[in-house]
PDB file of N, CA and C in Angstrom:
ATOM      1  N   MET A   1     158.323 176.634  98.835  1.00  0.00           N
ATOM      2  CA  MET A   1     158.170 175.803 100.009  1.00  0.00           C
ATOM      3  C   MET A   1     158.804 176.519 101.180  1.00  0.00           C
ATOM      4  N   PHE A   2     158.133 176.388 102.281  1.00  0.00           N
ATOM      5  CA  PHE A   2     158.660 177.031 103.465  1.00  0.00           C
ATOM      6  C   PHE A   2     159.105 175.958 104.440  1.00  0.00           C
ATOM      7  N   ILE A   3     160.326 176.080 104.966  1.00  0.00           N
ATOM      8  CA  ILE A   3     160.758 175.149 106.000  1.00  0.00           C
ATOM      9  C   ILE A   3     160.724 175.884 107.318  1.00  0.00           C
ATOM     10  N   GLY A   4     160.373 175.191 108.363  1.00  0.00           N
ATOM     11  CA  GLY A   4     160.250 175.795 109.680  1.00  0.00           C
ATOM     12  C   GLY A   4     161.578 176.298 110.207  1.00  0.00           C
ATOM     13  N   ARG A   5     161.485 177.205 111.152  1.00  0.00           N
ATOM     14  CA  ARG A   5     162.706 177.779 111.728  1.00  0.00           C
ATOM     15  C   ARG A   5     163.584 176.730 112.381  1.00  0.00           C
ATOM     16  N   ALA A   6     162.952 175.789 113.092  1.00  0.00           N
ATOM     17  CA  ALA A   6     163.738 174.761 113.772  1.00  0.00           C
ATOM     18  C   ALA A   6     164.471 173.894 112.749  1.00  0.00           C
ATOM     19  N   ALA A   7     163.777 173.515 111.677  1.00  0.00           N
ATOM     20  CA  ALA A   7     164.409 172.700 110.638  1.00  0.00           C
ATOM     21  C   ALA A   7     165.538 173.466 109.974  1.00  0.00           C
ATOM     22  N   TYR A   8     165.292 174.736 109.675  1.00  0.00           N
ATOM     23  CA  TYR A   8     166.320 175.555 109.041  1.00  0.00           C
ATOM     24  C   TYR A   8     167.533 175.685 109.961  1.00  0.00           C
ATOM     25  N   ALA A   9     167.273 175.935 111.251  1.00  0.00           N
ATOM     26  CA  ALA A   9     168.379 176.089 112.202  1.00  0.00           C
ATOM     27  C   ALA A   9     169.197 174.805 112.275  1.00  0.00           C
ATOM     28  N   PHE A  10     168.509 173.658 112.312  1.00  0.00           N
ATOM     29  CA  PHE A  10     169.207 172.378 112.357  1.00  0.00           C
ATOM     30  C   PHE A  10     170.051 172.173 111.106  1.00  0.00           C
ATOM     31  N   ILE A  11     169.441 172.436 109.950  1.00  0.00           N
ATOM     32  CA  ILE A  11     170.144 172.237 108.678  1.00  0.00           C
ATOM     33  C   ILE A  11     171.378 173.129 108.598  1.00  0.00           C
ATOM     34  N   THR A  12     171.204 174.417 108.907  1.00  0.00           N
ATOM     35  CA  THR A  12     172.342 175.333 108.777  1.00  0.00           C
ATOM     36  C   THR A  12     173.416 175.019 109.807  1.00  0.00           C
ATOM     37  N   LYS A  13     173.020 174.635 111.024  1.00  0.00           N
ATOM     38  CA  LYS A  13     174.014 174.286 112.042  1.00  0.00           C
ATOM     39  C   LYS A  13     174.782 173.045 111.611  1.00  0.00           C
ATOM     40  N   THR A  14     174.038 172.040 111.148  1.00  0.00           N
ATOM     41  CA  THR A  14     174.673 170.810 110.690  1.00  0.00           C
ATOM     42  C   THR A  14     175.606 171.095 109.531  1.00  0.00           C
ATOM     43  N   MET A  15     175.130 171.906 108.580  1.00  0.00           N
ATOM     44  CA  MET A  15     175.952 172.217 107.411  1.00  0.00           C
ATOM     45  C   MET A  15     177.189 173.002 107.804  1.00  0.00           C
ATOM     46  N   SER A  16     177.047 173.973 108.708  1.00  0.00           N
ATOM     47  CA  SER A  16     178.214 174.780 109.064  1.00  0.00           C
ATOM     48  C   SER A  16     179.220 173.960 109.871  1.00  0.00           C
ATOM     49  N   ASN A  17     178.725 173.031 110.699  1.00  0.00           N
ATOM     50  CA  ASN A  17     179.630 172.197 111.482  1.00  0.00           C
ATOM     51  C   ASN A  17     180.366 171.183 110.625  1.00  0.00           C
ATOM     52  N   GLN A  18     179.756 170.773 109.523  1.00  0.00           N
ATOM     53  CA  GLN A  18     180.346 169.737 108.696  1.00  0.00           C
ATOM     54  C   GLN A  18     180.807 170.259 107.342  1.00  0.00           C
ATOM     55  N   SER A  19     180.896 171.567 107.191  1.00  0.00           N
ATOM     56  CA  SER A  19     181.204 172.116 105.874  1.00  0.00           C
ATOM     57  C   SER A  19     182.519 171.583 105.318  1.00  0.00           C
ATOM     58  N   SER A  20     183.476 171.307 106.176  1.00  0.00           N
ATOM     59  CA  SER A  20     184.740 170.778 105.671  1.00  0.00           C
ATOM     60  C   SER A  20     184.604 169.308 105.263  1.00  0.00           C
ATOM     61  N   GLU A  21     183.583 168.628 105.781  1.00  0.00           N
ATOM     62  CA  GLU A  21     183.413 167.212 105.488  1.00  0.00           C
ATOM     63  C   GLU A  21     182.575 166.974 104.232  1.00  0.00           C
ATOM     64  N   ILE A  22     181.696 167.895 103.930  1.00  0.00           N
ATOM     65  CA  ILE A  22     180.810 167.728 102.786  1.00  0.00           C
ATOM     66  C   ILE A  22     181.380 168.491 101.609  1.00  0.00           C
ATOM     67  N   ASP A  23     181.536 167.804 100.518  1.00  0.00           N
ATOM     68  CA  ASP A  23     182.028 168.506  99.342  1.00  0.00           C
ATOM     69  C   ASP A  23     180.917 168.645  98.313  1.00  0.00           C
ATOM     70  N   ARG A  24     181.135 169.494  97.354  1.00  0.00           N
ATOM     71  CA  ARG A  24     180.127 169.777  96.332  1.00  0.00           C
ATOM     72  C   ARG A  24     179.802 168.546  95.493  1.00  0.00           C
ATOM     73  N   HIS A  25     180.774 167.670  95.315  1.00  0.00           N
ATOM     74  CA  HIS A  25     180.515 166.463  94.520  1.00  0.00           C
ATOM     75  C   HIS A  25     179.448 165.599  95.180  1.00  0.00           C
ATOM     76  N   GLU A  26     179.527 165.477  96.497  1.00  0.00           N
ATOM     77  CA  GLU A  26     178.526 164.687  97.220  1.00  0.00           C
ATOM     78  C   GLU A  26     177.149 165.334  97.091  1.00  0.00           C
ATOM     79  N   LEU A  27     177.103 166.659  97.195  1.00  0.00           N
ATOM     80  CA  LEU A  27     175.825 167.347  97.062  1.00  0.00           C
ATOM     81  C   LEU A  27     175.250 167.179  95.663  1.00  0.00           C
ATOM     82  N   HIS A  28     176.099 167.280  94.653  1.00  0.00           N
ATOM     83  CA  HIS A  28     175.637 167.063  93.275  1.00  0.00           C
ATOM     84  C   HIS A  28     175.097 165.642  93.113  1.00  0.00           C
ATOM     85  N   ALA A  29     175.771 164.665  93.693  1.00  0.00           N
ATOM     86  CA  ALA A  29     175.315 163.278  93.600  1.00  0.00           C
ATOM     87  C   ALA A  29     173.962 163.110  94.278  1.00  0.00           C
ATOM     88  N   LEU A  30     173.776 163.759  95.408  1.00  0.00           N
ATOM     89  CA  LEU A  30     172.484 163.689  96.096  1.00  0.00           C
ATOM     90  C   LEU A  30     171.379 164.311  95.255  1.00  0.00           C
ATOM     91  N   VAL A  31     171.660 165.444  94.637  1.00  0.00           N
ATOM     92  CA  VAL A  31     170.668 166.104  93.795  1.00  0.00           C
ATOM     93  C   VAL A  31     170.289 165.203  92.632  1.00  0.00           C
ATOM     94  N   GLU A  32     171.251 164.506  92.075  1.00  0.00           N
ATOM     95  CA  GLU A  32     170.971 163.612  90.946  1.00  0.00           C
ATOM     96  C   GLU A  32     170.033 162.470  91.336  1.00  0.00           C
ATOM     97  N   GLN A  33     169.957 162.132  92.602  1.00  0.00           N
ATOM     98  CA  GLN A  33     169.109 161.036  93.071  1.00  0.00           C
ATOM     99  C   GLN A  33     167.685 161.483  93.407  1.00  0.00           C
ATOM    100  N   ILE A  34     167.434 162.761  93.418  1.00  0.00           N
ATOM    101  CA  ILE A  34     166.116 163.285  93.780  1.00  0.00           C
ATOM    102  C   ILE A  34     165.154 163.084  92.610  1.00  0.00           C
ATOM    103  N   PRO A  35     163.966 162.541  92.888  1.00  0.00           N
ATOM    104  CA  PRO A  35     162.984 162.358  91.816  1.00  0.00           C
ATOM    105  C   PRO A  35     162.621 163.701  91.180  1.00  0.00           C
ATOM    106  N   ALA A  36     162.386 163.682  89.885  1.00  0.00           N
ATOM    107  CA  ALA A  36     162.076 164.912  89.150  1.00  0.00           C
ATOM    108  C   ALA A  36     160.872 165.632  89.744  1.00  0.00           C
ATOM    109  N   SER A  37     159.921 164.889  90.263  1.00  0.00           N
ATOM    110  CA  SER A  37     158.719 165.518  90.825  1.00  0.00           C
ATOM    111  C   SER A  37     159.020 166.339  92.082  1.00  0.00           C
ATOM    112  N   ASP A  38     160.134 166.060  92.755  1.00  0.00           N
ATOM    113  CA  ASP A  38     160.507 166.788  93.973  1.00  0.00           C
ATOM    114  C   ASP A  38     161.467 167.950  93.712  1.00  0.00           C
ATOM    115  N   LEU A  39     161.944 168.088  92.487  1.00  0.00           N
ATOM    116  CA  LEU A  39     162.942 169.125  92.190  1.00  0.00           C
ATOM    117  C   LEU A  39     162.464 170.548  92.459  1.00  0.00           C
ATOM    118  N   PRO A  40     161.197 170.906  92.159  1.00  0.00           N
ATOM    119  CA  PRO A  40     160.771 172.273  92.476  1.00  0.00           C
ATOM    120  C   PRO A  40     160.883 172.596  93.972  1.00  0.00           C
ATOM    121  N   ALA A  41     160.514 171.655  94.815  1.00  0.00           N
ATOM    122  CA  ALA A  41     160.610 171.883  96.260  1.00  0.00           C
ATOM    123  C   ALA A  41     162.063 171.990  96.698  1.00  0.00           C
ATOM    124  N   VAL A  42     162.912 171.124  96.149  1.00  0.00           N
ATOM    125  CA  VAL A  42     164.342 171.153  96.491  1.00  0.00           C
ATOM    126  C   VAL A  42     164.963 172.468  96.054  1.00  0.00           C
ATOM    127  N   ARG A  43     164.588 172.933  94.868  1.00  0.00           N
ATOM    128  CA  ARG A  43     165.109 174.214  94.373  1.00  0.00           C
ATOM    129  C   ARG A  43     164.778 175.337  95.354  1.00  0.00           C
ATOM    130  N   LYS A  44     163.544 175.347  95.840  1.00  0.00           N
ATOM    131  CA  LYS A  44     163.140 176.407  96.773  1.00  0.00           C
ATOM    132  C   LYS A  44     163.909 176.321  98.084  1.00  0.00           C
ATOM    133  N   ILE A  45     164.124 175.115  98.563  1.00  0.00           N
ATOM    134  CA  ILE A  45     164.886 174.947  99.812  1.00  0.00           C
ATOM    135  C   ILE A  45     166.316 175.428  99.624  1.00  0.00           C
ATOM    136  N   LEU A  46     166.949 175.019  98.532  1.00  0.00           N
ATOM    137  CA  LEU A  46     168.340 175.430  98.284  1.00  0.00           C
ATOM    138  C   LEU A  46     168.451 176.938  98.101  1.00  0.00           C
ATOM    139  N   ARG A  47     167.491 177.523  97.397  1.00  0.00           N
ATOM    140  CA  ARG A  47     167.512 178.981  97.235  1.00  0.00           C
ATOM    141  C   ARG A  47     167.371 179.681  98.581  1.00  0.00           C
ATOM    142  N   ALA A  48     166.505 179.150  99.445  1.00  0.00           N
ATOM    143  CA  ALA A  48     166.332 179.750 100.777  1.00  0.00           C
ATOM    144  C   ALA A  48     167.627 179.651 101.580  1.00  0.00           C
ATOM    145  N   LEU A  49     168.312 178.510 101.473  1.00  0.00           N
ATOM    146  CA  LEU A  49     169.575 178.349 102.201  1.00  0.00           C
ATOM    147  C   LEU A  49     170.655 179.288 101.685  1.00  0.00           C
ATOM    148  N   ALA A  50     170.604 179.606 100.399  1.00  0.00           N
ATOM    149  CA  ALA A  50     171.637 180.444  99.788  1.00  0.00           C
ATOM    150  C   ALA A  50     171.314 181.935  99.860  1.00  0.00           C
ATOM    151  N   ASP A  51     170.084 182.293 100.178  1.00  0.00           N
ATOM    152  CA  ASP A  51     169.641 183.688 100.156  1.00  0.00           C
ATOM    153  C   ASP A  51     169.811 184.332 101.534  1.00  0.00           C
ATOM    154  N   PRO A  52     170.658 185.352 101.657  1.00  0.00           N
ATOM    155  CA  PRO A  52     170.879 185.977 102.966  1.00  0.00           C
ATOM    156  C   PRO A  52     169.617 186.619 103.546  1.00  0.00           C
ATOM    157  N   VAL A  53     168.722 187.085 102.694  1.00  0.00           N
ATOM    158  CA  VAL A  53     167.482 187.680 103.210  1.00  0.00           C
ATOM    159  C   VAL A  53     166.636 186.588 103.856  1.00  0.00           C
ATOM    160  N   TRP A  54     166.465 185.449 103.167  1.00  0.00           N
ATOM    161  CA  TRP A  54     165.699 184.343 103.750  1.00  0.00           C
ATOM    162  C   TRP A  54     166.380 183.827 105.005  1.00  0.00           C
ATOM    163  N   GLN A  55     167.688 183.769 105.015  1.00  0.00           N
ATOM    164  CA  GLN A  55     168.396 183.327 106.215  1.00  0.00           C
ATOM    165  C   GLN A  55     168.067 184.241 107.384  1.00  0.00           C
ATOM    166  N   SER A  56     168.024 185.536 107.129  1.00  0.00           N
ATOM    167  CA  SER A  56     167.680 186.493 108.186  1.00  0.00           C
ATOM    168  C   SER A  56     166.260 186.292 108.674  1.00  0.00           C
ATOM    169  N   ILE A  57     165.349 186.083 107.738  1.00  0.00           N
ATOM    170  CA  ILE A  57     163.944 185.884 108.108  1.00  0.00           C
ATOM    171  C   ILE A  57     163.781 184.603 108.924  1.00  0.00           C
ATOM    172  N   LEU A  58     164.390 183.529 108.449  1.00  0.00           N
ATOM    173  CA  LEU A  58     164.222 182.238 109.103  1.00  0.00           C
ATOM    174  C   LEU A  58     164.904 182.147 110.459  1.00  0.00           C
ATOM    175  N   THR A  59     165.934 182.933 110.662  1.00  0.00           N
ATOM    176  CA  THR A  59     166.646 182.870 111.935  1.00  0.00           C
ATOM    177  C   THR A  59     166.299 184.039 112.860  1.00  0.00           C
ATOM    178  N   ALA A  60     165.362 184.867 112.447  1.00  0.00           N
ATOM    179  CA  ALA A  60     164.952 185.994 113.289  1.00  0.00           C
ATOM    180  C   ALA A  60     164.299 185.470 114.565  1.00  0.00           C
ATOM    181  N   PRO A  61     164.483 186.176 115.665  1.00  0.00           N
ATOM    182  CA  PRO A  61     163.846 185.728 116.908  1.00  0.00           C
ATOM    183  C   PRO A  61     162.319 185.815 116.790  1.00  0.00           C
ATOM    184  N   LEU A  62     161.659 184.940 117.526  1.00  0.00           N
ATOM    185  CA  LEU A  62     160.200 184.961 117.542  1.00  0.00           C
ATOM    186  C   LEU A  62     159.701 186.255 118.166  1.00  0.00           C
ATOM    187  N   ASP A  63     158.537 186.678 117.746  1.00  0.00           N
ATOM    188  CA  ASP A  63     157.917 187.879 118.301  1.00  0.00           C
ATOM    189  C   ASP A  63     157.497 187.577 119.737  1.00  0.00           C
ATOM    190  N   ASP A  64     158.093 188.270 120.699  1.00  0.00           N
ATOM    191  CA  ASP A  64     157.764 187.995 122.094  1.00  0.00           C
ATOM    192  C   ASP A  64     156.940 189.117 122.734  1.00  0.00           C
ATOM    193  N   GLU A  65     156.438 190.024 121.900  1.00  0.00           N
ATOM    194  CA  GLU A  65     155.579 191.076 122.441  1.00  0.00           C
ATOM    195  C   GLU A  65     154.227 190.488 122.806  1.00  0.00           C
ATOM    196  N   PRO A  66     153.661 190.931 123.924  1.00  0.00           N
ATOM    197  CA  PRO A  66     152.336 190.418 124.302  1.00  0.00           C
ATOM    198  C   PRO A  66     151.286 190.813 123.265  1.00  0.00           C
ATOM    199  N   GLU A  67     150.332 189.932 123.067  1.00  0.00           N
ATOM    200  CA  GLU A  67     149.253 190.193 122.126  1.00  0.00           C
ATOM    201  C   GLU A  67     148.299 191.221 122.735  1.00  0.00           C
ATOM    202  N   THR A  68     147.925 192.212 121.937  1.00  0.00           N
ATOM    203  CA  THR A  68     147.010 193.247 122.429  1.00  0.00           C
ATOM    204  C   THR A  68     145.570 192.758 122.337  1.00  0.00           C
ATOM    205  N   ASP A  69     144.669 193.443 123.031  1.00  0.00           N
ATOM    206  CA  ASP A  69     143.241 193.107 122.961  1.00  0.00           C
ATOM    207  C   ASP A  69     142.741 193.223 121.529  1.00  0.00           C
ATOM    208  N   GLU A  70     143.213 194.255 120.826  1.00  0.00           N
ATOM    209  CA  GLU A  70     142.804 194.454 119.434  1.00  0.00           C
ATOM    210  C   GLU A  70     143.259 193.287 118.558  1.00  0.00           C
ATOM    211  N   GLU A  71     144.498 192.835 118.747  1.00  0.00           N
ATOM    212  CA  GLU A  71     145.003 191.705 117.971  1.00  0.00           C
ATOM    213  C   GLU A  71     144.210 190.436 118.273  1.00  0.00           C
ATOM    214  N   ARG A  72     143.906 190.208 119.558  1.00  0.00           N
ATOM    215  CA  ARG A  72     143.117 189.032 119.925  1.00  0.00           C
ATOM    216  C   ARG A  72     141.754 189.065 119.260  1.00  0.00           C
ATOM    217  N   ALA A  73     141.129 190.244 119.240  1.00  0.00           N
ATOM    218  CA  ALA A  73     139.808 190.389 118.615  1.00  0.00           C
ATOM    219  C   ALA A  73     139.897 190.118 117.104  1.00  0.00           C
ATOM    220  N   GLU A  74     140.950 190.600 116.462  1.00  0.00           N
ATOM    221  CA  GLU A  74     141.111 190.369 115.026  1.00  0.00           C
ATOM    222  C   GLU A  74     141.328 188.891 114.715  1.00  0.00           C
ATOM    223  N   VAL A  75     142.102 188.214 115.536  1.00  0.00           N
ATOM    224  CA  VAL A  75     142.333 186.777 115.341  1.00  0.00           C
ATOM    225  C   VAL A  75     141.022 186.016 115.516  1.00  0.00           C
ATOM    226  N   GLU A  76     140.259 186.353 116.550  1.00  0.00           N
ATOM    227  CA  GLU A  76     138.979 185.681 116.783  1.00  0.00           C
ATOM    228  C   GLU A  76     138.015 185.920 115.622  1.00  0.00           C
ATOM    229  N   ALA A  77     137.983 187.144 115.114  1.00  0.00           N
ATOM    230  CA  ALA A  77     137.111 187.457 113.976  1.00  0.00           C
ATOM    231  C   ALA A  77     137.504 186.636 112.748  1.00  0.00           C
ATOM    232  N   ALA A  78     138.791 186.471 112.540  1.00  0.00           N
ATOM    233  CA  ALA A  78     139.260 185.684 111.397  1.00  0.00           C
ATOM    234  C   ALA A  78     138.901 184.211 111.560  1.00  0.00           C
ATOM    235  N   ARG A  79     138.945 183.715 112.793  1.00  0.00           N
ATOM    236  CA  ARG A  79     138.631 182.297 113.036  1.00  0.00           C
ATOM    237  C   ARG A  79     137.171 181.974 112.776  1.00  0.00           C
ATOM    238  N   VAL A  80     136.287 182.900 113.073  1.00  0.00           N
ATOM    239  CA  VAL A  80     134.859 182.630 112.891  1.00  0.00           C
ATOM    240  C   VAL A  80     134.363 183.048 111.512  1.00  0.00           C
ATOM    241  N   GLU A  81     135.208 183.690 110.749  1.00  0.00           N
ATOM    242  CA  GLU A  81     134.825 184.151 109.410  1.00  0.00           C
ATOM    243  C   GLU A  81     134.434 182.969 108.527  1.00  0.00           C
ATOM    244  N   GLN A  82     133.309 183.111 107.873  1.00  0.00           N
ATOM    245  CA  GLN A  82     132.836 182.076 106.960  1.00  0.00           C
ATOM    246  C   GLN A  82     133.323 182.397 105.552  1.00  0.00           C
ATOM    247  N   GLY A  83     133.724 181.397 104.847  1.00  0.00           N
ATOM    248  CA  GLY A  83     134.189 181.600 103.475  1.00  0.00           C
ATOM    249  C   GLY A  83     134.623 180.287 102.879  1.00  0.00           C
ATOM    250  N   PRO A  84     134.899 180.292 101.587  1.00  0.00           N
ATOM    251  CA  PRO A  84     135.255 179.040 100.931  1.00  0.00           C
ATOM    252  C   PRO A  84     136.626 178.512 101.337  1.00  0.00           C
ATOM    253  N   GLY A  85     137.504 179.387 101.828  1.00  0.00           N
ATOM    254  CA  GLY A  85     138.839 178.946 102.192  1.00  0.00           C
ATOM    255  C   GLY A  85     139.679 178.595 100.983  1.00  0.00           C
ATOM    256  N   THR A  86     140.831 178.000 101.225  1.00  0.00           N
ATOM    257  CA  THR A  86     141.741 177.593 100.169  1.00  0.00           C
ATOM    258  C   THR A  86     142.087 176.131 100.388  1.00  0.00           C
ATOM    259  N   SER A  87     141.880 175.324  99.368  1.00  0.00           N
ATOM    260  CA  SER A  87     142.170 173.897  99.499  1.00  0.00           C
ATOM    261  C   SER A  87     143.672 173.656  99.538  1.00  0.00           C
ATOM    262  N   HIS A  88     144.018 172.506 100.071  1.00  0.00           N
ATOM    263  CA  HIS A  88     145.428 172.127 100.135  1.00  0.00           C
ATOM    264  C   HIS A  88     146.032 172.080  98.730  1.00  0.00           C
ATOM    265  N   GLN A  89     145.270 171.535  97.777  1.00  0.00           N
ATOM    266  CA  GLN A  89     145.757 171.452  96.398  1.00  0.00           C
ATOM    267  C   GLN A  89     146.014 172.836  95.811  1.00  0.00           C
ATOM    268  N   GLU A  90     145.150 173.806  96.133  1.00  0.00           N
ATOM    269  CA  GLU A  90     145.353 175.166  95.627  1.00  0.00           C
ATOM    270  C   GLU A  90     146.631 175.772  96.195  1.00  0.00           C
ATOM    271  N   VAL A  91     146.893 175.525  97.468  1.00  0.00           N
ATOM    272  CA  VAL A  91     148.118 176.045  98.089  1.00  0.00           C
ATOM    273  C   VAL A  91     149.341 175.422  97.427  1.00  0.00           C
ATOM    274  N   LEU A  92     149.313 174.105  97.231  1.00  0.00           N
ATOM    275  CA  LEU A  92     150.432 173.443  96.565  1.00  0.00           C
ATOM    276  C   LEU A  92     150.643 173.980  95.166  1.00  0.00           C
ATOM    277  N   ARG A  93     149.546 174.164  94.430  1.00  0.00           N
ATOM    278  CA  ARG A  93     149.646 174.686  93.071  1.00  0.00           C
ATOM    279  C   ARG A  93     150.231 176.098  93.094  1.00  0.00           C
ATOM    280  N   GLU A  94     149.793 176.921  94.036  1.00  0.00           N
ATOM    281  CA  GLU A  94     150.284 178.305  94.123  1.00  0.00           C
ATOM    282  C   GLU A  94     151.794 178.346  94.346  1.00  0.00           C
ATOM    283  N   PHE A  95     152.326 177.376  95.091  1.00  0.00           N
ATOM    284  CA  PHE A  95     153.756 177.341  95.379  1.00  0.00           C
ATOM    285  C   PHE A  95     154.514 176.446  94.414  1.00  0.00           C
ATOM    286  N   GLY A  96     153.837 175.991  93.365  1.00  0.00           N
ATOM    287  CA  GLY A  96     154.502 175.196  92.348  1.00  0.00           C
ATOM    288  C   GLY A  96     154.909 173.804  92.813  1.00  0.00           C
ATOM    289  N   LEU A  97     154.158 173.275  93.753  1.00  0.00           N
ATOM    290  CA  LEU A  97     154.487 171.932  94.270  1.00  0.00           C
ATOM    291  C   LEU A  97     153.498 170.905  93.799  1.00  0.00           C
TER     292      LEU A  97
END
């Protein structure tokens, strides 16, 4: 599961500001209340929060370089491309959700 940069930034800021207030026992209790069907998604979120590489990716600045004519043409070609696509269910299945 992928969480957006804004959500990640909010979560990490909130967690770092309140780290002295939140203890591991409370977090364990919260995990125990999560429905079993949601555990795979929660696992991915927690792993992303704990992984320094994911933290770097999620907090990296947005690409502010101007889009080139070639890039615009490639995006337009992809938008008009005909194909079967990928269903929402297939995406969820691929990510184990």
